[in-house]
Amino acid sequence: MSKIGKINISIPDKVKVVLTGNNVNVEGPFGKKSLSIDIENFDLKINDGKNISIKPKKIDQNSKRLWGMNRSLLNNAIIGADKGYEKTLELVGVGYRAALKGSKLNLQLGFSHDINFDIPNNIKVAIEKQTIIKISGVDKQEVGMIASKIKSFRPPEPYKGKGIKEKGQYILRKEGKKK
Protein backbone atom coordinates (compact mmCIF):
# COMPACT_ATOMS: atom_id res chain seq x y z
CA MET A 1 0.00 0.00 0.00
CA SER A 2 1.14 3.52 -0.79
CA LYS A 3 1.21 5.82 2.24
CA ILE A 4 0.87 8.94 0.09
CA GLY A 5 -1.56 7.43 -2.42
CA LYS A 6 -4.15 6.52 0.23
CA ILE A 7 -4.65 10.14 1.35
CA ASN A 8 -7.59 11.93 -0.28
CA ILE A 9 -6.94 15.29 -1.96
CA SER A 10 -9.22 18.09 -0.79
CA ILE A 11 -10.34 20.58 -3.44
CA PRO A 12 -10.53 24.28 -2.44
CA ASP A 13 -13.73 26.23 -3.20
CA LYS A 14 -12.22 28.31 -6.03
CA VAL A 15 -10.80 25.31 -7.94
CA LYS A 16 -12.71 23.20 -10.48
CA VAL A 17 -11.56 19.67 -11.34
CA VAL A 18 -13.05 17.95 -14.41
CA LEU A 19 -12.27 14.42 -15.62
CA THR A 20 -12.56 13.96 -19.42
CA GLY A 21 -11.31 10.61 -20.69
CA ASN A 22 -7.68 10.21 -19.63
CA ASN A 23 -7.21 13.93 -18.91
CA VAL A 24 -7.84 15.72 -15.63
CA ASN A 25 -8.37 19.46 -16.11
CA VAL A 26 -7.72 21.67 -13.08
CA GLU A 27 -8.81 25.30 -13.24
CA GLY A 28 -8.40 27.92 -10.54
CA PRO A 29 -7.74 31.62 -9.94
CA PHE A 30 -4.02 31.31 -10.79
CA GLY A 31 -4.44 29.37 -14.03
CA LYS A 32 -5.19 26.06 -15.72
CA LYS A 33 -3.34 22.75 -15.70
CA SER A 34 -4.09 19.52 -17.55
CA LEU A 35 -2.79 16.12 -16.42
CA SER A 36 -2.89 12.76 -18.16
CA ILE A 37 -3.68 9.82 -15.84
CA ASP A 38 -3.73 6.17 -16.88
CA ILE A 39 -7.42 5.25 -16.45
CA GLU A 40 -6.75 1.59 -17.33
CA ASN A 41 -4.71 1.12 -14.14
CA PHE A 42 -6.24 3.70 -11.78
CA ASP A 43 -9.73 4.60 -10.51
CA LEU A 44 -10.20 8.33 -10.05
CA LYS A 45 -13.25 9.45 -8.04
CA ILE A 46 -14.32 13.07 -7.54
CA ASN A 47 -16.64 13.20 -4.49
CA ASP A 48 -19.13 16.13 -4.66
CA GLY A 49 -16.40 18.50 -5.90
CA LYS A 50 -14.88 18.47 -2.39
CA ASN A 51 -12.19 15.78 -2.60
CA ILE A 52 -10.54 13.32 -4.99
CA SER A 53 -9.41 9.78 -4.32
CA ILE A 54 -7.15 7.73 -6.57
CA LYS A 55 -6.82 3.96 -6.25
CA PRO A 56 -5.22 1.29 -8.44
CA LYS A 57 -7.52 -1.31 -10.03
CA LYS A 58 -5.06 -4.09 -9.19
CA ILE A 59 -2.21 -3.83 -6.71
CA ASP A 60 1.14 -5.00 -8.02
CA GLN A 61 4.70 -3.70 -7.76
CA ASN A 62 4.38 -1.29 -10.72
CA SER A 63 1.03 0.21 -9.69
CA LYS A 64 2.28 0.77 -6.12
CA ARG A 65 5.12 2.89 -7.49
CA LEU A 66 2.89 4.97 -9.74
CA TRP A 67 0.06 5.40 -7.21
CA GLY A 68 1.80 7.90 -4.94
CA MET A 69 3.39 9.73 -7.86
CA ASN A 70 0.05 10.26 -9.64
CA ARG A 71 -1.55 11.45 -6.39
CA SER A 72 1.31 13.93 -5.82
CA LEU A 73 1.10 15.26 -9.40
CA LEU A 74 -2.64 15.79 -9.01
CA ASN A 75 -2.20 17.48 -5.62
CA ASN A 76 0.53 19.77 -7.02
CA ALA A 77 -1.75 20.78 -9.92
CA ILE A 78 -4.58 21.67 -7.51
CA ILE A 79 -2.28 23.69 -5.21
CA GLY A 80 -0.76 25.44 -8.24
CA ALA A 81 -4.18 26.43 -9.59
CA ASP A 82 -5.30 27.65 -6.15
CA LYS A 83 -2.21 29.43 -4.75
CA GLY A 84 0.53 29.11 -7.37
CA TYR A 85 4.19 28.30 -6.78
CA GLU A 86 6.98 30.77 -6.19
CA LYS A 87 10.77 30.66 -5.89
CA THR A 88 13.01 33.56 -4.91
CA LEU A 89 16.58 33.79 -6.19
CA GLU A 90 19.29 36.07 -4.80
CA LEU A 91 22.29 37.34 -6.75
CA VAL A 92 25.32 37.64 -4.46
CA GLY A 93 28.40 39.39 -5.82
CA VAL A 94 29.75 42.83 -6.72
CA GLY A 95 28.17 44.06 -9.95
CA TYR A 96 25.72 41.15 -10.24
CA ARG A 97 22.30 42.42 -11.29
CA ALA A 98 19.16 41.42 -13.14
CA ALA A 99 16.72 43.38 -15.29
CA LEU A 100 13.61 42.59 -17.32
CA LYS A 101 13.65 43.57 -20.99
CA GLY A 102 10.28 42.63 -22.46
CA SER A 103 9.98 38.84 -22.28
CA LYS A 104 13.70 38.35 -21.57
CA LEU A 105 15.58 38.33 -18.32
CA ASN A 106 18.88 40.20 -18.64
CA LEU A 107 21.57 39.00 -16.20
CA GLN A 108 24.92 40.65 -15.54
CA LEU A 109 26.98 38.05 -13.70
CA GLY A 110 30.57 39.17 -14.03
CA PHE A 111 31.13 37.67 -17.48
CA SER A 112 32.36 39.75 -20.42
CA HIS A 113 28.83 39.56 -21.84
CA ASP A 114 25.26 39.82 -20.54
CA ILE A 115 23.09 36.71 -20.41
CA ASN A 116 19.61 37.04 -21.95
CA PHE A 117 17.24 34.33 -20.75
CA ASP A 118 13.90 33.77 -22.56
CA ILE A 119 10.99 33.55 -20.11
CA PRO A 120 8.24 31.03 -21.05
CA ASN A 121 4.66 32.36 -21.46
CA ASN A 122 3.15 30.60 -18.43
CA ILE A 123 5.90 31.75 -16.00
CA LYS A 124 5.97 35.21 -14.39
CA VAL A 125 9.30 36.75 -13.38
CA ALA A 126 9.44 39.83 -11.17
CA ILE A 127 12.53 41.71 -10.02
CA GLU A 128 12.17 43.35 -6.60
CA LYS A 129 15.64 44.81 -6.32
CA GLN A 130 18.41 44.41 -8.86
CA THR A 131 19.62 41.37 -6.93
CA ILE A 132 16.33 39.57 -6.10
CA ILE A 133 14.38 37.60 -8.73
CA LYS A 134 10.91 36.13 -8.01
CA ILE A 135 9.74 33.31 -10.28
CA SER A 136 6.07 32.27 -10.05
CA GLY A 137 3.67 30.06 -11.97
CA VAL A 138 1.03 27.32 -11.86
CA ASP A 139 3.27 24.32 -12.59
CA LYS A 140 5.60 23.36 -9.73
CA GLN A 141 7.98 21.46 -12.01
CA GLU A 142 8.30 24.29 -14.52
CA VAL A 143 8.93 26.93 -11.82
CA GLY A 144 11.67 24.70 -10.37
CA MET A 145 13.20 24.06 -13.80
CA ILE A 146 13.38 27.79 -14.65
CA ALA A 147 14.91 28.56 -11.23
CA SER A 148 17.44 25.76 -11.74
CA LYS A 149 18.42 27.01 -15.22
CA ILE A 150 18.95 30.55 -13.93
CA LYS A 151 21.00 29.24 -10.97
CA SER A 152 23.16 27.20 -13.37
CA PHE A 153 24.50 30.37 -15.06
CA ARG A 154 26.54 31.18 -11.94
CA PRO A 155 26.28 28.58 -9.13
CA PRO A 156 27.42 29.79 -5.69
CA GLU A 157 31.09 29.18 -5.06
CA PRO A 158 32.31 28.02 -1.63
CA TYR A 159 35.09 30.58 -0.95
CA LYS A 160 33.38 33.98 -1.23
CA GLY A 161 29.78 32.80 -1.63
CA LYS A 162 29.34 34.68 -4.92
CA GLY A 163 26.73 33.41 -7.39
CA ILE A 164 22.99 32.84 -7.71
CA LYS A 165 21.31 31.05 -4.83
CA GLU A 166 17.78 30.40 -3.62
CA LYS A 167 16.52 32.46 -0.71
CA GLY A 168 17.43 30.64 2.50
CA GLN A 169 19.86 28.23 0.80
CA TYR A 170 22.88 27.43 2.94
CA ILE A 171 26.22 27.53 1.15
CA LEU A 172 28.99 25.39 2.62
CA ARG A 173 31.89 27.82 3.02
CA LYS A 174 35.52 26.78 2.74
CA GLU A 175 38.55 28.39 4.30
CA GLY A 176 41.02 30.04 1.94
CA LYS A 177 44.77 29.47 1.62
CA LYS A 178 46.96 29.68 4.71
CA LYS A 179 50.33 31.44 4.78
C-alpha atoms as a PDB file:
ATOM      1  CA  MET A   1       0.000   0.000   0.000  1.00  0.00           C
ATOM      2  CA  SER A   2       1.140   3.519  -0.788  1.00  0.00           C
ATOM      3  CA  LYS A   3       1.206   5.819   2.239  1.00  0.00           C
ATOM      4  CA  ILE A   4       0.875   8.940   0.094  1.00  0.00           C
ATOM      5  CA  GLY A   5      -1.565   7.431  -2.419  1.00  0.00           C
ATOM      6  CA  LYS A   6      -4.149   6.524   0.226  1.00  0.00           C
ATOM      7  CA  ILE A   7      -4.646  10.139   1.350  1.00  0.00           C
ATOM      8  CA  ASN A   8      -7.592  11.933  -0.279  1.00  0.00           C
ATOM      9  CA  ILE A   9      -6.941  15.286  -1.959  1.00  0.00           C
ATOM     10  CA  SER A  10      -9.221  18.091  -0.788  1.00  0.00           C
ATOM     11  CA  ILE A  11     -10.343  20.578  -3.444  1.00  0.00           C
ATOM     12  CA  PRO A  12     -10.530  24.284  -2.440  1.00  0.00           C
ATOM     13  CA  ASP A  13     -13.734  26.227  -3.203  1.00  0.00           C
ATOM     14  CA  LYS A  14     -12.225  28.305  -6.026  1.00  0.00           C
ATOM     15  CA  VAL A  15     -10.802  25.308  -7.937  1.00  0.00           C
ATOM     16  CA  LYS A  16     -12.706  23.197 -10.484  1.00  0.00           C
ATOM     17  CA  VAL A  17     -11.556  19.667 -11.337  1.00  0.00           C
ATOM     18  CA  VAL A  18     -13.047  17.946 -14.415  1.00  0.00           C
ATOM     19  CA  LEU A  19     -12.272  14.415 -15.625  1.00  0.00           C
ATOM     20  CA  THR A  20     -12.559  13.963 -19.415  1.00  0.00           C
ATOM     21  CA  GLY A  21     -11.309  10.611 -20.690  1.00  0.00           C
ATOM     22  CA  ASN A  22      -7.678  10.214 -19.628  1.00  0.00           C
ATOM     23  CA  ASN A  23      -7.209  13.932 -18.906  1.00  0.00           C
ATOM     24  CA  VAL A  24      -7.844  15.720 -15.631  1.00  0.00           C
ATOM     25  CA  ASN A  25      -8.369  19.464 -16.113  1.00  0.00           C
ATOM     26  CA  VAL A  26      -7.723  21.675 -13.085  1.00  0.00           C
ATOM     27  CA  GLU A  27      -8.808  25.299 -13.242  1.00  0.00           C
ATOM     28  CA  GLY A  28      -8.398  27.924 -10.539  1.00  0.00           C
ATOM     29  CA  PRO A  29      -7.737  31.621  -9.944  1.00  0.00           C
ATOM     30  CA  PHE A  30      -4.017  31.314 -10.785  1.00  0.00           C
ATOM     31  CA  GLY A  31      -4.444  29.368 -14.033  1.00  0.00           C
ATOM     32  CA  LYS A  32      -5.189  26.062 -15.723  1.00  0.00           C
ATOM     33  CA  LYS A  33      -3.339  22.751 -15.705  1.00  0.00           C
ATOM     34  CA  SER A  34      -4.095  19.520 -17.552  1.00  0.00           C
ATOM     35  CA  LEU A  35      -2.788  16.123 -16.422  1.00  0.00           C
ATOM     36  CA  SER A  36      -2.890  12.758 -18.164  1.00  0.00           C
ATOM     37  CA  ILE A  37      -3.677   9.825 -15.844  1.00  0.00           C
ATOM     38  CA  ASP A  38      -3.730   6.171 -16.878  1.00  0.00           C
ATOM     39  CA  ILE A  39      -7.417   5.255 -16.450  1.00  0.00           C
ATOM     40  CA  GLU A  40      -6.753   1.591 -17.333  1.00  0.00           C
ATOM     41  CA  ASN A  41      -4.710   1.117 -14.142  1.00  0.00           C
ATOM     42  CA  PHE A  42      -6.244   3.697 -11.777  1.00  0.00           C
ATOM     43  CA  ASP A  43      -9.727   4.598 -10.511  1.00  0.00           C
ATOM     44  CA  LEU A  44     -10.204   8.332 -10.045  1.00  0.00           C
ATOM     45  CA  LYS A  45     -13.247   9.446  -8.035  1.00  0.00           C
ATOM     46  CA  ILE A  46     -14.322  13.067  -7.535  1.00  0.00           C
ATOM     47  CA  ASN A  47     -16.636  13.196  -4.492  1.00  0.00           C
ATOM     48  CA  ASP A  48     -19.134  16.132  -4.660  1.00  0.00           C
ATOM     49  CA  GLY A  49     -16.404  18.501  -5.899  1.00  0.00           C
ATOM     50  CA  LYS A  50     -14.878  18.468  -2.392  1.00  0.00           C
ATOM     51  CA  ASN A  51     -12.190  15.776  -2.596  1.00  0.00           C
ATOM     52  CA  ILE A  52     -10.543  13.324  -4.985  1.00  0.00           C
ATOM     53  CA  SER A  53      -9.410   9.779  -4.319  1.00  0.00           C
ATOM     54  CA  ILE A  54      -7.147   7.732  -6.572  1.00  0.00           C
ATOM     55  CA  LYS A  55      -6.825   3.960  -6.249  1.00  0.00           C
ATOM     56  CA  PRO A  56      -5.216   1.289  -8.441  1.00  0.00           C
ATOM     57  CA  LYS A  57      -7.518  -1.309 -10.025  1.00  0.00           C
ATOM     58  CA  LYS A  58      -5.059  -4.092  -9.191  1.00  0.00           C
ATOM     59  CA  ILE A  59      -2.212  -3.826  -6.707  1.00  0.00           C
ATOM     60  CA  ASP A  60       1.145  -4.999  -8.016  1.00  0.00           C
ATOM     61  CA  GLN A  61       4.700  -3.699  -7.765  1.00  0.00           C
ATOM     62  CA  ASN A  62       4.375  -1.288 -10.723  1.00  0.00           C
ATOM     63  CA  SER A  63       1.029   0.206  -9.691  1.00  0.00           C
ATOM     64  CA  LYS A  64       2.278   0.767  -6.120  1.00  0.00           C
ATOM     65  CA  ARG A  65       5.117   2.890  -7.492  1.00  0.00           C
ATOM     66  CA  LEU A  66       2.885   4.965  -9.740  1.00  0.00           C
ATOM     67  CA  TRP A  67       0.062   5.402  -7.206  1.00  0.00           C
ATOM     68  CA  GLY A  68       1.804   7.897  -4.935  1.00  0.00           C
ATOM     69  CA  MET A  69       3.386   9.734  -7.861  1.00  0.00           C
ATOM     70  CA  ASN A  70       0.052  10.259  -9.642  1.00  0.00           C
ATOM     71  CA  ARG A  71      -1.546  11.449  -6.395  1.00  0.00           C
ATOM     72  CA  SER A  72       1.308  13.927  -5.825  1.00  0.00           C
ATOM     73  CA  LEU A  73       1.104  15.260  -9.397  1.00  0.00           C
ATOM     74  CA  LEU A  74      -2.645  15.790  -9.011  1.00  0.00           C
ATOM     75  CA  ASN A  75      -2.198  17.479  -5.618  1.00  0.00           C
ATOM     76  CA  ASN A  76       0.532  19.772  -7.019  1.00  0.00           C
ATOM     77  CA  ALA A  77      -1.748  20.781  -9.919  1.00  0.00           C
ATOM     78  CA  ILE A  78      -4.578  21.670  -7.509  1.00  0.00           C
ATOM     79  CA  ILE A  79      -2.283  23.688  -5.207  1.00  0.00           C
ATOM     80  CA  GLY A  80      -0.758  25.445  -8.243  1.00  0.00           C
ATOM     81  CA  ALA A  81      -4.183  26.425  -9.591  1.00  0.00           C
ATOM     82  CA  ASP A  82      -5.300  27.653  -6.147  1.00  0.00           C
ATOM     83  CA  LYS A  83      -2.212  29.434  -4.753  1.00  0.00           C
ATOM     84  CA  GLY A  84       0.534  29.108  -7.368  1.00  0.00           C
ATOM     85  CA  TYR A  85       4.187  28.300  -6.780  1.00  0.00           C
ATOM     86  CA  GLU A  86       6.983  30.774  -6.193  1.00  0.00           C
ATOM     87  CA  LYS A  87      10.771  30.659  -5.895  1.00  0.00           C
ATOM     88  CA  THR A  88      13.007  33.559  -4.914  1.00  0.00           C
ATOM     89  CA  LEU A  89      16.578  33.789  -6.186  1.00  0.00           C
ATOM     90  CA  GLU A  90      19.291  36.065  -4.803  1.00  0.00           C
ATOM     91  CA  LEU A  91      22.289  37.343  -6.751  1.00  0.00           C
ATOM     92  CA  VAL A  92      25.323  37.641  -4.465  1.00  0.00           C
ATOM     93  CA  GLY A  93      28.403  39.389  -5.819  1.00  0.00           C
ATOM     94  CA  VAL A  94      29.753  42.825  -6.717  1.00  0.00           C
ATOM     95  CA  GLY A  95      28.175  44.063  -9.954  1.00  0.00           C
ATOM     96  CA  TYR A  96      25.725  41.151 -10.236  1.00  0.00           C
ATOM     97  CA  ARG A  97      22.299  42.420 -11.295  1.00  0.00           C
ATOM     98  CA  ALA A  98      19.165  41.416 -13.140  1.00  0.00           C
ATOM     99  CA  ALA A  99      16.720  43.384 -15.289  1.00  0.00           C
ATOM    100  CA  LEU A 100      13.612  42.595 -17.324  1.00  0.00           C
ATOM    101  CA  LYS A 101      13.653  43.574 -20.990  1.00  0.00           C
ATOM    102  CA  GLY A 102      10.285  42.627 -22.459  1.00  0.00           C
ATOM    103  CA  SER A 103       9.982  38.836 -22.278  1.00  0.00           C
ATOM    104  CA  LYS A 104      13.701  38.354 -21.574  1.00  0.00           C
ATOM    105  CA  LEU A 105      15.584  38.326 -18.319  1.00  0.00           C
ATOM    106  CA  ASN A 106      18.884  40.203 -18.640  1.00  0.00           C
ATOM    107  CA  LEU A 107      21.566  38.997 -16.195  1.00  0.00           C
ATOM    108  CA  GLN A 108      24.921  40.655 -15.537  1.00  0.00           C
ATOM    109  CA  LEU A 109      26.983  38.045 -13.699  1.00  0.00           C
ATOM    110  CA  GLY A 110      30.575  39.170 -14.029  1.00  0.00           C
ATOM    111  CA  PHE A 111      31.132  37.670 -17.479  1.00  0.00           C
ATOM    112  CA  SER A 112      32.363  39.748 -20.422  1.00  0.00           C
ATOM    113  CA  HIS A 113      28.826  39.556 -21.844  1.00  0.00           C
ATOM    114  CA  ASP A 114      25.262  39.819 -20.544  1.00  0.00           C
ATOM    115  CA  ILE A 115      23.089  36.706 -20.415  1.00  0.00           C
ATOM    116  CA  ASN A 116      19.613  37.041 -21.954  1.00  0.00           C
ATOM    117  CA  PHE A 117      17.237  34.327 -20.753  1.00  0.00           C
ATOM    118  CA  ASP A 118      13.903  33.773 -22.555  1.00  0.00           C
ATOM    119  CA  ILE A 119      10.988  33.549 -20.111  1.00  0.00           C
ATOM    120  CA  PRO A 120       8.236  31.031 -21.051  1.00  0.00           C
ATOM    121  CA  ASN A 121       4.664  32.365 -21.462  1.00  0.00           C
ATOM    122  CA  ASN A 122       3.150  30.602 -18.427  1.00  0.00           C
ATOM    123  CA  ILE A 123       5.895  31.751 -15.997  1.00  0.00           C
ATOM    124  CA  LYS A 124       5.970  35.209 -14.386  1.00  0.00           C
ATOM    125  CA  VAL A 125       9.297  36.747 -13.384  1.00  0.00           C
ATOM    126  CA  ALA A 126       9.442  39.833 -11.168  1.00  0.00           C
ATOM    127  CA  ILE A 127      12.527  41.708 -10.015  1.00  0.00           C
ATOM    128  CA  GLU A 128      12.168  43.351  -6.599  1.00  0.00           C
ATOM    129  CA  LYS A 129      15.641  44.811  -6.316  1.00  0.00           C
ATOM    130  CA  GLN A 130      18.413  44.409  -8.856  1.00  0.00           C
ATOM    131  CA  THR A 131      19.616  41.370  -6.927  1.00  0.00           C
ATOM    132  CA  ILE A 132      16.332  39.572  -6.104  1.00  0.00           C
ATOM    133  CA  ILE A 133      14.377  37.599  -8.732  1.00  0.00           C
ATOM    134  CA  LYS A 134      10.909  36.129  -8.012  1.00  0.00           C
ATOM    135  CA  ILE A 135       9.739  33.310 -10.279  1.00  0.00           C
ATOM    136  CA  SER A 136       6.069  32.274 -10.052  1.00  0.00           C
ATOM    137  CA  GLY A 137       3.671  30.062 -11.973  1.00  0.00           C
ATOM    138  CA  VAL A 138       1.025  27.323 -11.865  1.00  0.00           C
ATOM    139  CA  ASP A 139       3.266  24.322 -12.592  1.00  0.00           C
ATOM    140  CA  LYS A 140       5.597  23.356  -9.730  1.00  0.00           C
ATOM    141  CA  GLN A 141       7.979  21.455 -12.013  1.00  0.00           C
ATOM    142  CA  GLU A 142       8.300  24.293 -14.516  1.00  0.00           C
ATOM    143  CA  VAL A 143       8.933  26.928 -11.815  1.00  0.00           C
ATOM    144  CA  GLY A 144      11.674  24.704 -10.368  1.00  0.00           C
ATOM    145  CA  MET A 145      13.204  24.065 -13.799  1.00  0.00           C
ATOM    146  CA  ILE A 146      13.380  27.792 -14.646  1.00  0.00           C
ATOM    147  CA  ALA A 147      14.910  28.562 -11.228  1.00  0.00           C
ATOM    148  CA  SER A 148      17.437  25.756 -11.739  1.00  0.00           C
ATOM    149  CA  LYS A 149      18.419  27.008 -15.217  1.00  0.00           C
ATOM    150  CA  ILE A 150      18.948  30.553 -13.928  1.00  0.00           C
ATOM    151  CA  LYS A 151      20.999  29.240 -10.974  1.00  0.00           C
ATOM    152  CA  SER A 152      23.162  27.195 -13.369  1.00  0.00           C
ATOM    153  CA  PHE A 153      24.504  30.374 -15.056  1.00  0.00           C
ATOM    154  CA  ARG A 154      26.540  31.175 -11.936  1.00  0.00           C
ATOM    155  CA  PRO A 155      26.280  28.582  -9.127  1.00  0.00           C
ATOM    156  CA  PRO A 156      27.421  29.785  -5.686  1.00  0.00           C
ATOM    157  CA  GLU A 157      31.094  29.176  -5.064  1.00  0.00           C
ATOM    158  CA  PRO A 158      32.313  28.021  -1.635  1.00  0.00           C
ATOM    159  CA  TYR A 159      35.088  30.581  -0.951  1.00  0.00           C
ATOM    160  CA  LYS A 160      33.382  33.979  -1.228  1.00  0.00           C
ATOM    161  CA  GLY A 161      29.784  32.802  -1.634  1.00  0.00           C
ATOM    162  CA  LYS A 162      29.342  34.677  -4.925  1.00  0.00           C
ATOM    163  CA  GLY A 163      26.734  33.410  -7.386  1.00  0.00           C
ATOM    164  CA  ILE A 164      22.993  32.840  -7.713  1.00  0.00           C
ATOM    165  CA  LYS A 165      21.305  31.051  -4.828  1.00  0.00           C
ATOM    166  CA  GLU A 166      17.777  30.399  -3.620  1.00  0.00           C
ATOM    167  CA  LYS A 167      16.521  32.460  -0.705  1.00  0.00           C
ATOM    168  CA  GLY A 168      17.430  30.641   2.502  1.00  0.00           C
ATOM    169  CA  GLN A 169      19.857  28.232   0.801  1.00  0.00           C
ATOM    170  CA  TYR A 170      22.876  27.427   2.943  1.00  0.00           C
ATOM    171  CA  ILE A 171      26.218  27.533   1.148  1.00  0.00           C
ATOM    172  CA  LEU A 172      28.995  25.389   2.621  1.00  0.00           C
ATOM    173  CA  ARG A 173      31.890  27.817   3.016  1.00  0.00           C
ATOM    174  CA  LYS A 174      35.524  26.783   2.737  1.00  0.00           C
ATOM    175  CA  GLU A 175      38.550  28.392   4.296  1.00  0.00           C
ATOM    176  CA  GLY A 176      41.019  30.043   1.943  1.00  0.00           C
ATOM    177  CA  LYS A 177      44.765  29.471   1.622  1.00  0.00           C
ATOM    178  CA  LYS A 178      46.957  29.681   4.713  1.00  0.00           C
ATOM    179  CA  LYS A 179      50.329  31.439   4.779  1.00  0.00           C
END
